[in-house]
Amino acid sequence: MNLAALEALERGLGLADEPVEYHDLDDLAGSWIQDPEFEKVVAEMDRVDPGLWELNESICLLSCSPS
């Protein structure tokens, strides 16, 4: 376990003999395609329901009082 921790520290600090190769989401960068249907669905998720805020505010008044 100690050896694994030391190797991880060496890699993290850039002291390892071999460079670190990251496998992340680089292949997806720049691949976005505009989709009007997706935009419509996302816009619906951004809609705020004022009734839910009123409900949450009244619940908070009962249970979120400062100590």
Protein backbone atom coordinates (compact mmCIF):
# COMPACT_ATOMS: atom_id res chain seq x y z
CA MET A 1 0.00 0.00 0.00
CA ASN A 2 2.80 2.43 0.84
CA LEU A 3 4.47 1.84 -2.53
CA ALA A 4 1.20 2.61 -4.36
CA ALA A 5 0.81 5.82 -2.38
CA LEU A 6 4.39 6.89 -3.12
CA GLU A 7 3.98 6.16 -6.84
CA ALA A 8 0.75 8.18 -6.91
CA LEU A 9 2.52 11.09 -5.21
CA GLU A 10 5.40 10.92 -7.70
CA ARG A 11 2.98 11.00 -10.64
CA GLY A 12 0.97 13.83 -9.09
CA LEU A 13 4.07 15.90 -8.49
CA GLY A 14 5.44 15.22 -11.96
CA LEU A 15 8.43 13.30 -10.60
CA ALA A 16 7.63 9.93 -12.25
CA ASP A 17 9.92 8.53 -14.95
CA GLU A 18 7.04 8.22 -17.43
CA PRO A 19 4.71 11.12 -18.29
CA VAL A 20 1.12 10.79 -17.13
CA GLU A 21 -1.37 10.07 -19.90
CA TYR A 22 -4.86 11.26 -19.08
CA HIS A 23 -7.93 9.52 -20.48
CA ASP A 24 -10.74 12.00 -20.18
CA LEU A 25 -13.40 13.56 -22.40
CA ASP A 26 -11.10 15.22 -24.95
CA ASP A 27 -12.74 13.27 -27.78
CA LEU A 28 -16.02 15.04 -27.03
CA ALA A 29 -14.63 18.57 -27.08
CA GLY A 30 -15.97 20.48 -30.08
CA SER A 31 -18.42 17.75 -31.08
CA TRP A 32 -21.62 19.48 -29.95
CA ILE A 33 -24.39 19.49 -32.54
CA GLN A 34 -27.28 21.92 -32.22
CA ASP A 35 -30.54 20.07 -31.62
CA PRO A 36 -33.70 22.18 -31.33
CA GLU A 37 -35.61 19.36 -29.58
CA PHE A 38 -32.89 19.09 -26.92
CA GLU A 39 -32.92 22.86 -26.42
CA LYS A 40 -36.70 22.72 -25.95
CA VAL A 41 -36.41 20.02 -23.27
CA VAL A 42 -33.61 21.85 -21.46
CA ALA A 43 -35.58 25.11 -21.53
CA GLU A 44 -38.49 23.32 -19.84
CA MET A 45 -36.15 22.17 -17.05
CA ASP A 46 -35.09 25.80 -16.52
CA ARG A 47 -38.68 26.83 -15.83
CA VAL A 48 -39.29 27.81 -12.20
CA ASP A 49 -42.56 26.81 -10.56
CA PRO A 50 -43.37 29.66 -8.13
CA GLY A 51 -45.70 27.37 -6.18
CA LEU A 52 -42.81 25.09 -5.26
CA TRP A 53 -40.82 28.04 -3.96
CA GLU A 54 -43.72 29.16 -1.78
CA LEU A 55 -44.06 25.64 -0.39
CA ASN A 56 -40.34 25.37 0.32
CA GLU A 57 -40.31 28.80 1.97
CA SER A 58 -43.12 27.86 4.36
CA ILE A 59 -41.40 24.56 5.24
CA CYS A 60 -38.15 26.40 5.89
CA LEU A 61 -39.89 28.89 8.16
CA LEU A 62 -40.96 25.96 10.32
CA SER A 63 -37.73 23.96 10.35
CA CYS A 64 -34.86 26.28 9.34
CA SER A 65 -34.90 28.75 12.19
CA PRO A 66 -31.48 30.12 13.17
CA SER A 67 -29.93 28.70 16.34
